[in-house]
PDB file of N, CA and C in Angstrom:
ATOM      1  N   GLN A   1      38.422 108.878   4.551  1.00  0.00           N
ATOM      2  CA  GLN A   1      37.607 109.267   3.351  1.00  0.00           C
ATOM      3  C   GLN A   1      38.197 110.713   3.056  1.00  0.00           C
ATOM      4  N   LEU A   2      37.913 111.021   2.069  1.00  0.00           N
ATOM      5  CA  LEU A   2      38.491 111.821   1.456  1.00  0.00           C
ATOM      6  C   LEU A   2      37.634 113.172   1.555  1.00  0.00           C
ATOM      7  N   GLN A   3      38.096 114.177   2.265  1.00  0.00           N
ATOM      8  CA  GLN A   3      37.936 115.778   2.112  1.00  0.00           C
ATOM      9  C   GLN A   3      38.713 116.461   2.145  1.00  0.00           C
ATOM     10  N   LEU A   4      38.018 117.758   1.945  1.00  0.00           N
ATOM     11  CA  LEU A   4      39.248 118.833   1.938  1.00  0.00           C
ATOM     12  C   LEU A   4      37.530 119.832   3.037  1.00  0.00           C
ATOM     13  N   VAL A   5      38.183 120.361   3.996  1.00  0.00           N
ATOM     14  CA  VAL A   5      37.879 120.862   4.716  1.00  0.00           C
ATOM     15  C   VAL A   5      37.780 122.539   4.974  1.00  0.00           C
ATOM     16  N   GLU A   6      37.527 123.331   5.151  1.00  0.00           N
ATOM     17  CA  GLU A   6      38.037 124.686   5.051  1.00  0.00           C
ATOM     18  C   GLU A   6      37.131 125.615   6.148  1.00  0.00           C
ATOM     19  N   SER A   7      38.136 126.721   6.288  1.00  0.00           N
ATOM     20  CA  SER A   7      37.405 127.791   7.569  1.00  0.00           C
ATOM     21  C   SER A   7      38.428 128.867   7.471  1.00  0.00           C
ATOM     22  N   GLY A   8      37.552 130.039   8.474  1.00  0.00           N
ATOM     23  CA  GLY A   8      38.706 131.113   8.374  1.00  0.00           C
ATOM     24  C   GLY A   8      37.812 131.724   7.076  1.00  0.00           C
ATOM     25  N   GLY A   9      36.885 132.444   7.569  1.00  0.00           N
ATOM     26  CA  GLY A   9      36.101 132.959   6.240  1.00  0.00           C
ATOM     27  C   GLY A   9      35.590 134.329   7.793  1.00  0.00           C
ATOM     28  N   GLY A  10      34.637 135.341   6.704  1.00  0.00           N
ATOM     29  CA  GLY A  10      33.976 135.785   8.370  1.00  0.00           C
ATOM     30  C   GLY A  10      33.654 136.768   6.968  1.00  0.00           C
ATOM     31  N   LEU A  11      32.971 137.910   8.276  1.00  0.00           N
ATOM     32  CA  LEU A  11      32.813 139.149   7.596  1.00  0.00           C
ATOM     33  C   LEU A  11      34.131 140.078   8.518  1.00  0.00           C
ATOM     34  N   VAL A  12      34.355 141.028   7.357  1.00  0.00           N
ATOM     35  CA  VAL A  12      35.681 141.983   8.127  1.00  0.00           C
ATOM     36  C   VAL A  12      35.372 142.989   7.018  1.00  0.00           C
ATOM     37  N   GLN A  13      36.222 144.322   7.306  1.00  0.00           N
ATOM     38  CA  GLN A  13      35.901 146.218   6.457  1.00  0.00           C
ATOM     39  C   GLN A  13      36.235 145.760   6.051  1.00  0.00           C
ATOM     40  N   SER A  14      36.541 146.323   4.930  1.00  0.00           N
ATOM     41  CA  SER A  14      36.965 147.100   3.313  1.00  0.00           C
ATOM     42  C   SER A  14      38.584 147.620   4.372  1.00  0.00           C
ATOM     43  N   GLY A  15      40.092 146.591   3.214  1.00  0.00           N
ATOM     44  CA  GLY A  15      41.200 146.629   4.269  1.00  0.00           C
ATOM     45  C   GLY A  15      41.530 146.177   4.900  1.00  0.00           C
ATOM     46  N   GLY A  16      40.687 144.954   5.277  1.00  0.00           N
ATOM     47  CA  GLY A  16      40.925 144.283   5.941  1.00  0.00           C
ATOM     48  C   GLY A  16      41.561 142.427   5.658  1.00  0.00           C
ATOM     49  N   SER A  17      41.866 141.905   6.635  1.00  0.00           N
ATOM     50  CA  SER A  17      42.722 140.993   5.690  1.00  0.00           C
ATOM     51  C   SER A  17      42.059 139.067   6.030  1.00  0.00           C
ATOM     52  N   LEU A  18      41.928 138.264   5.805  1.00  0.00           N
ATOM     53  CA  LEU A  18      41.220 137.012   6.172  1.00  0.00           C
ATOM     54  C   LEU A  18      42.488 135.362   5.594  1.00  0.00           C
ATOM     55  N   ARG A  19      42.602 134.969   6.148  1.00  0.00           N
ATOM     56  CA  ARG A  19      43.071 133.838   6.358  1.00  0.00           C
ATOM     57  C   ARG A  19      42.300 132.673   5.807  1.00  0.00           C
ATOM     58  N   LEU A  20      42.352 131.982   4.729  1.00  0.00           N
ATOM     59  CA  LEU A  20      40.762 130.615   4.788  1.00  0.00           C
ATOM     60  C   LEU A  20      42.224 129.878   4.928  1.00  0.00           C
ATOM     61  N   SER A  21      41.726 128.526   5.396  1.00  0.00           N
ATOM     62  CA  SER A  21      42.761 127.214   5.454  1.00  0.00           C
ATOM     63  C   SER A  21      41.610 126.408   4.502  1.00  0.00           C
ATOM     64  N   CYS A  22      42.741 125.000   4.108  1.00  0.00           N
ATOM     65  CA  CYS A  22      41.814 124.310   3.850  1.00  0.00           C
ATOM     66  C   CYS A  22      42.635 122.754   4.307  1.00  0.00           C
ATOM     67  N   ALA A  23      41.782 122.021   5.134  1.00  0.00           N
ATOM     68  CA  ALA A  23      42.790 120.943   5.620  1.00  0.00           C
ATOM     69  C   ALA A  23      42.553 119.461   4.181  1.00  0.00           C
ATOM     70  N   ALA A  24      43.264 118.463   4.218  1.00  0.00           N
ATOM     71  CA  ALA A  24      42.643 117.313   3.976  1.00  0.00           C
ATOM     72  C   ALA A  24      42.715 116.113   4.495  1.00  0.00           C
ATOM     73  N   SER A  25      42.227 115.160   3.894  1.00  0.00           N
ATOM     74  CA  SER A  25      41.515 113.849   5.613  1.00  0.00           C
ATOM     75  C   SER A  25      41.652 112.999   3.823  1.00  0.00           C
ATOM     76  N   GLY A  26      42.366 111.771   4.100  1.00  0.00           N
ATOM     77  CA  GLY A  26      42.086 110.620   3.279  1.00  0.00           C
ATOM     78  C   GLY A  26      43.544 110.152   1.759  1.00  0.00           C
ATOM     79  N   PHE A  27      43.618 111.971   1.979  1.00  0.00           N
ATOM     80  CA  PHE A  27      44.991 111.393   0.724  1.00  0.00           C
ATOM     81  C   PHE A  27      45.841 112.620   1.375  1.00  0.00           C
ATOM     82  N   THR A  28      46.858 113.588   0.634  1.00  0.00           N
ATOM     83  CA  THR A  28      48.094 114.225   0.576  1.00  0.00           C
ATOM     84  C   THR A  28      47.812 115.769  -0.477  1.00  0.00           C
ATOM     85  N   LEU A  29      47.484 116.349   0.148  1.00  0.00           N
ATOM     86  CA  LEU A  29      47.702 117.492  -0.832  1.00  0.00           C
ATOM     87  C   LEU A  29      49.160 118.142  -1.342  1.00  0.00           C
ATOM     88  N   GLU A  30      49.977 117.399  -0.898  1.00  0.00           N
ATOM     89  CA  GLU A  30      50.924 117.766  -1.940  1.00  0.00           C
ATOM     90  C   GLU A  30      50.686 116.910  -3.065  1.00  0.00           C
ATOM     91  N   ASP A  31      50.688 116.104  -3.588  1.00  0.00           N
ATOM     92  CA  ASP A  31      50.228 115.321  -4.823  1.00  0.00           C
ATOM     93  C   ASP A  31      49.540 115.202  -5.204  1.00  0.00           C
ATOM     94  N   SER A  32      48.939 116.880  -5.498  1.00  0.00           N
ATOM     95  CA  SER A  32      47.693 117.621  -6.108  1.00  0.00           C
ATOM     96  C   SER A  32      47.761 118.841  -6.333  1.00  0.00           C
ATOM     97  N   SER A  33      47.751 119.026  -7.549  1.00  0.00           N
ATOM     98  CA  SER A  33      46.571 120.328  -7.675  1.00  0.00           C
ATOM     99  C   SER A  33      45.911 121.343  -6.985  1.00  0.00           C
ATOM    100  N   ILE A  34      46.288 122.089  -6.172  1.00  0.00           N
ATOM    101  CA  ILE A  34      45.220 122.879  -5.690  1.00  0.00           C
ATOM    102  C   ILE A  34      45.002 124.367  -6.628  1.00  0.00           C
ATOM    103  N   GLY A  35      43.589 124.500  -5.822  1.00  0.00           N
ATOM    104  CA  GLY A  35      43.150 125.404  -7.354  1.00  0.00           C
ATOM    105  C   GLY A  35      42.010 125.998  -5.963  1.00  0.00           C
ATOM    106  N   TRP A  36      41.377 127.693  -5.964  1.00  0.00           N
ATOM    107  CA  TRP A  36      41.006 128.539  -4.864  1.00  0.00           C
ATOM    108  C   TRP A  36      40.262 129.215  -6.043  1.00  0.00           C
ATOM    109  N   PHE A  37      39.298 129.383  -5.702  1.00  0.00           N
ATOM    110  CA  PHE A  37      37.829 129.481  -6.314  1.00  0.00           C
ATOM    111  C   PHE A  37      37.248 130.481  -5.249  1.00  0.00           C
ATOM    112  N   ARG A  38      35.994 131.712  -6.228  1.00  0.00           N
ATOM    113  CA  ARG A  38      35.479 132.146  -5.839  1.00  0.00           C
ATOM    114  C   ARG A  38      33.648 132.531  -6.612  1.00  0.00           C
ATOM    115  N   GLN A  39      32.925 132.462  -5.710  1.00  0.00           N
ATOM    116  CA  GLN A  39      31.725 132.745  -6.105  1.00  0.00           C
ATOM    117  C   GLN A  39      30.824 134.071  -5.600  1.00  0.00           C
ATOM    118  N   ALA A  40      31.444 134.837  -6.589  1.00  0.00           N
ATOM    119  CA  ALA A  40      30.677 136.159  -6.184  1.00  0.00           C
ATOM    120  C   ALA A  40      29.749 136.344  -6.353  1.00  0.00           C
ATOM    121  N   PRO A  41      27.974 136.899  -6.022  1.00  0.00           N
ATOM    122  CA  PRO A  41      26.523 136.426  -5.030  1.00  0.00           C
ATOM    123  C   PRO A  41      25.732 137.158  -6.899  1.00  0.00           C
ATOM    124  N   GLY A  42      25.706 136.127  -6.946  1.00  0.00           N
ATOM    125  CA  GLY A  42      24.835 136.420  -8.697  1.00  0.00           C
ATOM    126  C   GLY A  42      25.651 135.610  -9.487  1.00  0.00           C
ATOM    127  N   LYS A  43      27.113 135.092  -9.340  1.00  0.00           N
ATOM    128  CA  LYS A  43      28.066 134.865 -10.271  1.00  0.00           C
ATOM    129  C   LYS A  43      27.746 133.336 -10.370  1.00  0.00           C
ATOM    130  N   GLU A  44      29.228 133.391 -11.528  1.00  0.00           N
ATOM    131  CA  GLU A  44      29.072 131.965 -11.904  1.00  0.00           C
ATOM    132  C   GLU A  44      30.934 131.130 -11.044  1.00  0.00           C
ATOM    133  N   ARG A  45      30.645 129.951  -9.814  1.00  0.00           N
ATOM    134  CA  ARG A  45      32.093 129.730  -9.320  1.00  0.00           C
ATOM    135  C   ARG A  45      33.444 130.759 -10.738  1.00  0.00           C
ATOM    136  N   GLU A  46      34.164 130.854 -10.732  1.00  0.00           N
ATOM    137  CA  GLU A  46      35.411 131.075 -11.196  1.00  0.00           C
ATOM    138  C   GLU A  46      36.735 130.875 -10.205  1.00  0.00           C
ATOM    139  N   GLY A  47      37.954 130.675 -11.172  1.00  0.00           N
ATOM    140  CA  GLY A  47      38.905 130.399 -10.462  1.00  0.00           C
ATOM    141  C   GLY A  47      40.215 130.812 -10.155  1.00  0.00           C
ATOM    142  N   PHE A  48      41.267 131.536  -8.947  1.00  0.00           N
ATOM    143  CA  PHE A  48      41.606 132.849  -9.966  1.00  0.00           C
ATOM    144  C   PHE A  48      42.683 132.721  -9.276  1.00  0.00           C
ATOM    145  N   PHE A  49      43.524 131.188  -8.654  1.00  0.00           N
ATOM    146  CA  PHE A  49      44.682 130.700  -8.758  1.00  0.00           C
ATOM    147  C   PHE A  49      44.808 129.018  -8.784  1.00  0.00           C
ATOM    148  N   CYS A  50      46.161 128.966  -8.999  1.00  0.00           N
ATOM    149  CA  CYS A  50      46.107 127.359  -8.895  1.00  0.00           C
ATOM    150  C   CYS A  50      48.064 126.652  -8.332  1.00  0.00           C
ATOM    151  N   ILE A  51      47.872 125.998  -8.320  1.00  0.00           N
ATOM    152  CA  ILE A  51      49.328 125.464  -8.399  1.00  0.00           C
ATOM    153  C   ILE A  51      49.816 124.054  -8.477  1.00  0.00           C
ATOM    154  N   SER A  52      50.155 123.360  -9.311  1.00  0.00           N
ATOM    155  CA  SER A  52      50.245 121.662  -9.167  1.00  0.00           C
ATOM    156  C   SER A  52      50.850 121.503  -8.761  1.00  0.00           C
ATOM    157  N   SER A  53      51.310 120.003  -8.532  1.00  0.00           N
ATOM    158  CA  SER A  53      52.351 119.689  -7.422  1.00  0.00           C
ATOM    159  C   SER A  53      53.256 119.868  -7.792  1.00  0.00           C
ATOM    160  N   HIS A  54      53.713 119.832  -8.763  1.00  0.00           N
ATOM    161  CA  HIS A  54      54.988 120.428  -9.710  1.00  0.00           C
ATOM    162  C   HIS A  54      55.346 121.613  -9.829  1.00  0.00           C
ATOM    163  N   GLY A  55      54.562 122.708  -8.310  1.00  0.00           N
ATOM    164  CA  GLY A  55      54.955 124.105  -7.894  1.00  0.00           C
ATOM    165  C   GLY A  55      54.918 124.847  -9.321  1.00  0.00           C
ATOM    166  N   ALA A  56      54.284 124.308 -10.803  1.00  0.00           N
ATOM    167  CA  ALA A  56      53.933 125.672 -11.197  1.00  0.00           C
ATOM    168  C   ALA A  56      52.056 126.451 -11.068  1.00  0.00           C
ATOM    169  N   SER A  57      51.972 127.878 -11.268  1.00  0.00           N
ATOM    170  CA  SER A  57      51.345 128.313 -10.458  1.00  0.00           C
ATOM    171  C   SER A  57      50.429 129.237 -12.148  1.00  0.00           C
ATOM    172  N   MET A  58      49.409 129.341 -11.675  1.00  0.00           N
ATOM    173  CA  MET A  58      48.247 130.167 -12.879  1.00  0.00           C
ATOM    174  C   MET A  58      47.939 131.349 -11.765  1.00  0.00           C
ATOM    175  N   VAL A  59      47.546 132.194 -11.833  1.00  0.00           N
ATOM    176  CA  VAL A  59      47.586 133.896 -11.054  1.00  0.00           C
ATOM    177  C   VAL A  59      46.203 134.078 -12.452  1.00  0.00           C
ATOM    178  N   ASP A  60      44.828 134.552 -11.454  1.00  0.00           N
ATOM    179  CA  ASP A  60      43.952 135.374 -12.230  1.00  0.00           C
ATOM    180  C   ASP A  60      44.403 137.192 -11.701  1.00  0.00           C
ATOM    181  N   VAL A  61      45.743 137.880 -12.462  1.00  0.00           N
ATOM    182  CA  VAL A  61      46.339 138.901 -12.190  1.00  0.00           C
ATOM    183  C   VAL A  61      45.310 139.561 -11.807  1.00  0.00           C
ATOM    184  N   ASP A  62      44.433 140.094 -12.879  1.00  0.00           N
ATOM    185  CA  ASP A  62      43.580 141.045 -12.581  1.00  0.00           C
ATOM    186  C   ASP A  62      42.291 141.158 -11.314  1.00  0.00           C
ATOM    187  N   PHE A  63      42.701 139.978 -10.263  1.00  0.00           N
ATOM    188  CA  PHE A  63      41.562 140.065  -9.282  1.00  0.00           C
ATOM    189  C   PHE A  63      42.352 139.719  -8.273  1.00  0.00           C
ATOM    190  N   VAL A  64      43.445 139.133  -8.426  1.00  0.00           N
ATOM    191  CA  VAL A  64      44.313 138.405  -7.210  1.00  0.00           C
ATOM    192  C   VAL A  64      45.581 139.859  -7.096  1.00  0.00           C
ATOM    193  N   LYS A  65      46.134 141.202  -8.034  1.00  0.00           N
ATOM    194  CA  LYS A  65      46.506 142.444  -7.807  1.00  0.00           C
ATOM    195  C   LYS A  65      47.444 141.460  -6.806  1.00  0.00           C
ATOM    196  N   ASP A  66      48.263 140.932  -6.574  1.00  0.00           N
ATOM    197  CA  ASP A  66      49.264 140.418  -4.899  1.00  0.00           C
ATOM    198  C   ASP A  66      48.925 140.776  -3.860  1.00  0.00           C
ATOM    199  N   ARG A  67      47.405 140.963  -3.783  1.00  0.00           N
ATOM    200  CA  ARG A  67      47.053 141.449  -2.276  1.00  0.00           C
ATOM    201  C   ARG A  67      46.997 139.698  -1.828  1.00  0.00           C
ATOM    202  N   PHE A  68      46.797 138.349  -2.196  1.00  0.00           N
ATOM    203  CA  PHE A  68      46.553 137.036  -2.231  1.00  0.00           C
ATOM    204  C   PHE A  68      48.103 136.484  -1.465  1.00  0.00           C
ATOM    205  N   THR A  69      48.439 136.337  -1.129  1.00  0.00           N
ATOM    206  CA  THR A  69      49.031 134.961  -0.536  1.00  0.00           C
ATOM    207  C   THR A  69      48.987 133.643  -0.254  1.00  0.00           C
ATOM    208  N   PHE A  70      49.762 132.484  -1.375  1.00  0.00           N
ATOM    209  CA  PHE A  70      49.210 130.931  -1.388  1.00  0.00           C
ATOM    210  C   PHE A  70      50.144 130.651  -0.595  1.00  0.00           C
ATOM    211  N   SER A  71      50.471 129.289   0.793  1.00  0.00           N
ATOM    212  CA  SER A  71      51.476 129.062   1.044  1.00  0.00           C
ATOM    213  C   SER A  71      50.157 127.578   1.386  1.00  0.00           C
ATOM    214  N   ARG A  72      51.435 125.884   2.003  1.00  0.00           N
ATOM    215  CA  ARG A  72      51.046 125.134   2.696  1.00  0.00           C
ATOM    216  C   ARG A  72      51.897 124.554   3.809  1.00  0.00           C
ATOM    217  N   ASP A  73      50.963 124.214   4.382  1.00  0.00           N
ATOM    218  CA  ASP A  73      51.886 123.283   5.116  1.00  0.00           C
ATOM    219  C   ASP A  73      51.548 121.633   5.320  1.00  0.00           C
ATOM    220  N   ASN A  74      53.410 121.576   4.350  1.00  0.00           N
ATOM    221  CA  ASN A  74      53.015 119.574   4.411  1.00  0.00           C
ATOM    222  C   ASN A  74      52.740 118.145   5.163  1.00  0.00           C
ATOM    223  N   ALA A  75      53.019 119.418   6.690  1.00  0.00           N
ATOM    224  CA  ALA A  75      53.263 118.326   7.477  1.00  0.00           C
ATOM    225  C   ALA A  75      51.635 118.470   8.350  1.00  0.00           C
ATOM    226  N   LYS A  76      50.557 119.172   8.029  1.00  0.00           N
ATOM    227  CA  LYS A  76      49.770 119.744   8.546  1.00  0.00           C
ATOM    228  C   LYS A  76      48.495 119.012   6.848  1.00  0.00           C
ATOM    229  N   ASN A  77      48.515 118.801   6.541  1.00  0.00           N
ATOM    230  CA  ASN A  77      48.511 118.644   4.700  1.00  0.00           C
ATOM    231  C   ASN A  77      47.084 120.071   4.628  1.00  0.00           C
ATOM    232  N   ALA A  78      47.674 120.862   4.709  1.00  0.00           N
ATOM    233  CA  ALA A  78      46.848 121.828   4.549  1.00  0.00           C
ATOM    234  C   ALA A  78      48.256 122.954   3.576  1.00  0.00           C
ATOM    235  N   VAL A  79      46.283 124.325   2.988  1.00  0.00           N
ATOM    236  CA  VAL A  79      47.381 124.978   2.601  1.00  0.00           C
ATOM    237  C   VAL A  79      46.258 126.164   2.629  1.00  0.00           C
ATOM    238  N   TYR A  80      46.727 127.580   2.604  1.00  0.00           N
ATOM    239  CA  TYR A  80      46.197 128.631   2.756  1.00  0.00           C
ATOM    240  C   TYR A  80      46.145 129.485   2.198  1.00  0.00           C
ATOM    241  N   LEU A  81      45.287 130.648   2.169  1.00  0.00           N
ATOM    242  CA  LEU A  81      44.637 131.626   0.910  1.00  0.00           C
ATOM    243  C   LEU A  81      44.981 133.193   2.085  1.00  0.00           C
ATOM    244  N   GLN A  82      45.906 133.567   2.670  1.00  0.00           N
ATOM    245  CA  GLN A  82      46.108 134.971   2.485  1.00  0.00           C
ATOM    246  C   GLN A  82      45.301 135.716   2.034  1.00  0.00           C
ATOM    247  N   MET A  83      44.863 136.407   2.141  1.00  0.00           N
ATOM    248  CA  MET A  83      43.892 138.124   1.715  1.00  0.00           C
ATOM    249  C   MET A  83      44.119 139.007   2.579  1.00  0.00           C
ATOM    250  N   ASN A  84      44.984 139.927   1.584  1.00  0.00           N
ATOM    251  CA  ASN A  84      45.296 141.115   2.892  1.00  0.00           C
ATOM    252  C   ASN A  84      44.113 141.832   2.002  1.00  0.00           C
ATOM    253  N   SER A  85      44.110 142.942   2.578  1.00  0.00           N
ATOM    254  CA  SER A  85      43.246 145.216   1.108  1.00  0.00           C
ATOM    255  C   SER A  85      42.302 144.478   0.895  1.00  0.00           C
ATOM    256  N   LEU A  86      41.471 143.656   1.216  1.00  0.00           N
ATOM    257  CA  LEU A  86      39.812 143.050   1.031  1.00  0.00           C
ATOM    258  C   LEU A  86      39.281 144.439   0.682  1.00  0.00           C
ATOM    259  N   LYS A  87      38.311 144.053  -0.996  1.00  0.00           N
ATOM    260  CA  LYS A  87      37.741 145.454  -0.969  1.00  0.00           C
ATOM    261  C   LYS A  87      36.361 144.885  -0.903  1.00  0.00           C
ATOM    262  N   PRO A  88      35.537 145.272  -1.120  1.00  0.00           N
ATOM    263  CA  PRO A  88      33.578 144.765  -0.847  1.00  0.00           C
ATOM    264  C   PRO A  88      33.109 144.188  -2.721  1.00  0.00           C
ATOM    265  N   GLU A  89      33.639 144.436  -3.648  1.00  0.00           N
ATOM    266  CA  GLU A  89      33.898 143.151  -4.188  1.00  0.00           C
ATOM    267  C   GLU A  89      34.623 141.869  -4.173  1.00  0.00           C
ATOM    268  N   ASP A  90      35.658 141.384  -3.635  1.00  0.00           N
ATOM    269  CA  ASP A  90      35.875 140.384  -2.985  1.00  0.00           C
ATOM    270  C   ASP A  90      35.113 139.335  -2.214  1.00  0.00           C
ATOM    271  N   THR A  91      33.837 139.659  -1.685  1.00  0.00           N
ATOM    272  CA  THR A  91      32.763 139.068  -1.256  1.00  0.00           C
ATOM    273  C   THR A  91      32.187 138.199  -2.279  1.00  0.00           C
ATOM    274  N   GLY A  92      32.005 136.860  -0.988  1.00  0.00           N
ATOM    275  CA  GLY A  92      31.052 135.686  -2.251  1.00  0.00           C
ATOM    276  C   GLY A  92      31.490 134.622  -0.862  1.00  0.00           C
ATOM    277  N   VAL A  93      31.385 133.204  -1.788  1.00  0.00           N
ATOM    278  CA  VAL A  93      32.002 132.534  -1.428  1.00  0.00           C
ATOM    279  C   VAL A  93      33.210 131.490  -2.473  1.00  0.00           C
ATOM    280  N   TYR A  94      34.097 131.080  -0.848  1.00  0.00           N
ATOM    281  CA  TYR A  94      35.488 130.236  -1.672  1.00  0.00           C
ATOM    282  C   TYR A  94      36.046 128.895  -1.078  1.00  0.00           C
ATOM    283  N   TYR A  95      36.499 128.970  -2.652  1.00  0.00           N
ATOM    284  CA  TYR A  95      36.416 127.219  -2.489  1.00  0.00           C
ATOM    285  C   TYR A  95      36.901 126.699  -2.800  1.00  0.00           C
ATOM    286  N   CYS A  96      38.531 126.035  -2.020  1.00  0.00           N
ATOM    287  CA  CYS A  96      39.851 125.284  -2.352  1.00  0.00           C
ATOM    288  C   CYS A  96      39.347 123.656  -2.660  1.00  0.00           C
ATOM    289  N   ALA A  97      39.977 123.173  -4.079  1.00  0.00           N
ATOM    290  CA  ALA A  97      40.427 122.219  -4.455  1.00  0.00           C
ATOM    291  C   ALA A  97      41.040 121.775  -4.886  1.00  0.00           C
ATOM    292  N   ALA A  98      41.395 120.281  -5.036  1.00  0.00           N
ATOM    293  CA  ALA A  98      41.932 119.728  -5.329  1.00  0.00           C
ATOM    294  C   ALA A  98      42.368 118.454  -6.396  1.00  0.00           C
ATOM    295  N   SER A  99      43.508 118.085  -7.219  1.00  0.00           N
ATOM    296  CA  SER A  99      43.317 117.399  -8.052  1.00  0.00           C
ATOM    297  C   SER A  99      43.010 116.184  -7.519  1.00  0.00           C
ATOM    298  N   ALA A 100      43.023 114.905  -8.384  1.00  0.00           N
ATOM    299  CA  ALA A 100      43.445 113.239  -7.664  1.00  0.00           C
ATOM    300  C   ALA A 100      43.980 112.813  -8.329  1.00  0.00           C
ATOM    301  N   THR A 101      44.835 113.524  -8.957  1.00  0.00           N
ATOM    302  CA  THR A 101      45.886 113.236  -9.748  1.00  0.00           C
ATOM    303  C   THR A 101      46.968 113.713  -9.952  1.00  0.00           C
ATOM    304  N   VAL A 102      48.396 113.422  -9.715  1.00  0.00           N
ATOM    305  CA  VAL A 102      49.418 114.329 -10.190  1.00  0.00           C
ATOM    306  C   VAL A 102      49.327 115.549 -11.563  1.00  0.00           C
ATOM    307  N   GLN A 103      50.087 115.916 -11.139  1.00  0.00           N
ATOM    308  CA  GLN A 103      49.746 117.056 -12.407  1.00  0.00           C
ATOM    309  C   GLN A 103      50.554 118.161 -12.643  1.00  0.00           C
ATOM    310  N   ALA A 104      51.810 118.170 -14.222  1.00  0.00           N
ATOM    311  CA  ALA A 104      52.578 118.709 -13.915  1.00  0.00           C
ATOM    312  C   ALA A 104      51.999 120.660 -13.644  1.00  0.00           C
ATOM    313  N   MET A 105      50.762 120.937 -14.615  1.00  0.00           N
ATOM    314  CA  MET A 105      50.174 122.152 -14.792  1.00  0.00           C
ATOM    315  C   MET A 105      48.904 122.495 -13.713  1.00  0.00           C
ATOM    316  N   CYS A 106      48.892 122.823 -13.650  1.00  0.00           N
ATOM    317  CA  CYS A 106      47.138 123.643 -12.983  1.00  0.00           C
ATOM    318  C   CYS A 106      46.360 124.230 -13.370  1.00  0.00           C
ATOM    319  N   SER A 107      45.395 124.326 -13.191  1.00  0.00           N
ATOM    320  CA  SER A 107      44.037 124.667 -14.116  1.00  0.00           C
ATOM    321  C   SER A 107      43.115 125.035 -12.896  1.00  0.00           C
ATOM    322  N   LEU A 108      42.620 126.822 -14.040  1.00  0.00           N
ATOM    323  CA  LEU A 108      41.760 127.793 -13.277  1.00  0.00           C
ATOM    324  C   LEU A 108      40.187 126.866 -13.387  1.00  0.00           C
ATOM    325  N   ARG A 109      40.163 126.223 -14.575  1.00  0.00           N
ATOM    326  CA  ARG A 109      38.886 125.842 -14.936  1.00  0.00           C
ATOM    327  C   ARG A 109      38.235 124.509 -14.104  1.00  0.00           C
ATOM    328  N   ASP A 110      37.010 124.720 -13.112  1.00  0.00           N
ATOM    329  CA  ASP A 110      37.037 124.126 -12.645  1.00  0.00           C
ATOM    330  C   ASP A 110      36.430 122.368 -12.256  1.00  0.00           C
ATOM    331  N   ARG A 111      36.394 122.186 -14.061  1.00  0.00           N
ATOM    332  CA  ARG A 111      36.020 120.250 -13.624  1.00  0.00           C
ATOM    333  C   ARG A 111      37.527 119.985 -13.944  1.00  0.00           C
ATOM    334  N   ARG A 112      38.309 120.683 -13.621  1.00  0.00           N
ATOM    335  CA  ARG A 112      39.773 120.124 -13.616  1.00  0.00           C
ATOM    336  C   ARG A 112      40.173 119.133 -11.967  1.00  0.00           C
ATOM    337  N   TYR A 113      38.754 119.805 -11.119  1.00  0.00           N
ATOM    338  CA  TYR A 113      39.812 119.360  -9.192  1.00  0.00           C
ATOM    339  C   TYR A 113      37.810 117.920  -9.387  1.00  0.00           C
ATOM    340  N   SER A 114      39.036 117.006  -9.080  1.00  0.00           N
ATOM    341  CA  SER A 114      37.741 115.874  -7.917  1.00  0.00           C
ATOM    342  C   SER A 114      37.152 116.026  -6.764  1.00  0.00           C
ATOM    343  N   TYR A 115      38.379 117.026  -6.166  1.00  0.00           N
ATOM    344  CA  TYR A 115      37.857 116.958  -4.430  1.00  0.00           C
ATOM    345  C   TYR A 115      37.455 119.311  -4.613  1.00  0.00           C
ATOM    346  N   TRP A 116      36.871 119.087  -3.367  1.00  0.00           N
ATOM    347  CA  TRP A 116      36.313 120.112  -2.969  1.00  0.00           C
ATOM    348  C   TRP A 116      35.492 119.711  -1.482  1.00  0.00           C
ATOM    349  N   GLY A 117      36.375 121.485  -1.287  1.00  0.00           N
ATOM    350  CA  GLY A 117      35.849 121.979   0.639  1.00  0.00           C
ATOM    351  C   GLY A 117      34.476 122.801   0.308  1.00  0.00           C
ATOM    352  N   GLN A 118      34.085 122.675   0.925  1.00  0.00           N
ATOM    353  CA  GLN A 118      32.725 122.805   1.193  1.00  0.00           C
ATOM    354  C   GLN A 118      32.242 124.529   0.860  1.00  0.00           C
ATOM    355  N   GLY A 119      33.739 124.971   1.007  1.00  0.00           N
ATOM    356  CA  GLY A 119      33.089 126.371   0.366  1.00  0.00           C
ATOM    357  C   GLY A 119      32.629 127.351   2.061  1.00  0.00           C
ATOM    358  N   ILE A 120      33.220 128.750   1.603  1.00  0.00           N
ATOM    359  CA  ILE A 120      33.123 129.619   3.009  1.00  0.00           C
ATOM    360  C   ILE A 120      33.226 130.636   2.268  1.00  0.00           C
ATOM    361  N   GLN A 121      32.133 131.406   3.683  1.00  0.00           N
ATOM    362  CA  GLN A 121      31.201 132.753   3.063  1.00  0.00           C
ATOM    363  C   GLN A 121      32.067 133.963   3.668  1.00  0.00           C
ATOM    364  N   VAL A 122      33.289 135.038   2.370  1.00  0.00           N
ATOM    365  CA  VAL A 122      33.453 135.482   2.635  1.00  0.00           C
ATOM    366  C   VAL A 122      32.905 136.691   2.475  1.00  0.00           C
ATOM    367  N   THR A 123      32.526 138.321   3.549  1.00  0.00           N
ATOM    368  CA  THR A 123      32.049 139.341   3.638  1.00  0.00           C
ATOM    369  C   THR A 123      32.907 140.852   3.713  1.00  0.00           C
ATOM    370  N   VAL A 124      33.002 141.056   2.807  1.00  0.00           N
ATOM    371  CA  VAL A 124      33.732 142.647   3.194  1.00  0.00           C
ATOM    372  C   VAL A 124      32.811 143.723   2.619  1.00  0.00           C
ATOM    373  N   SER A 125      32.992 144.200   4.504  1.00  0.00           N
ATOM    374  CA  SER A 125      32.070 145.760   4.348  1.00  0.00           C
ATOM    375  C   SER A 125      32.913 147.172   3.895  1.00  0.00           C
ATOM    376  N   SER A 126      31.835 147.679   3.326  1.00  0.00           N
ATOM    377  CA  SER A 126      32.019 149.085   3.016  1.00  0.00           C
ATOM    378  C   SER A 126      32.284 149.415   4.302  1.00  0.00           C
TER     379      SER A 126
END
């Protein structure tokens, strides 16, 4: 079964940190473009970070502002998103996504991804 499973969300105070994990089964994340998306309450899902299988990345600088760090562990077939200096406006459901094919460039548009995590709630209190 091809799937992504997310973990690590929760409730944190403003200024705090969370680390989201996204583990794949049934396919190899190293061969995929990876995207991270956020859906804020009442809004559409938006991408804020992606990296292609060739290592090219795109970042929504206005949103990330050097607060978030992406990493991967190929041995565990997982990727991670370290989120620091969290703000109440970061609240939302966070999704990881992966492409079904090798891509030179990634995209922040969700239609480019075939596999999606279940979504995980991140709530930042003021």
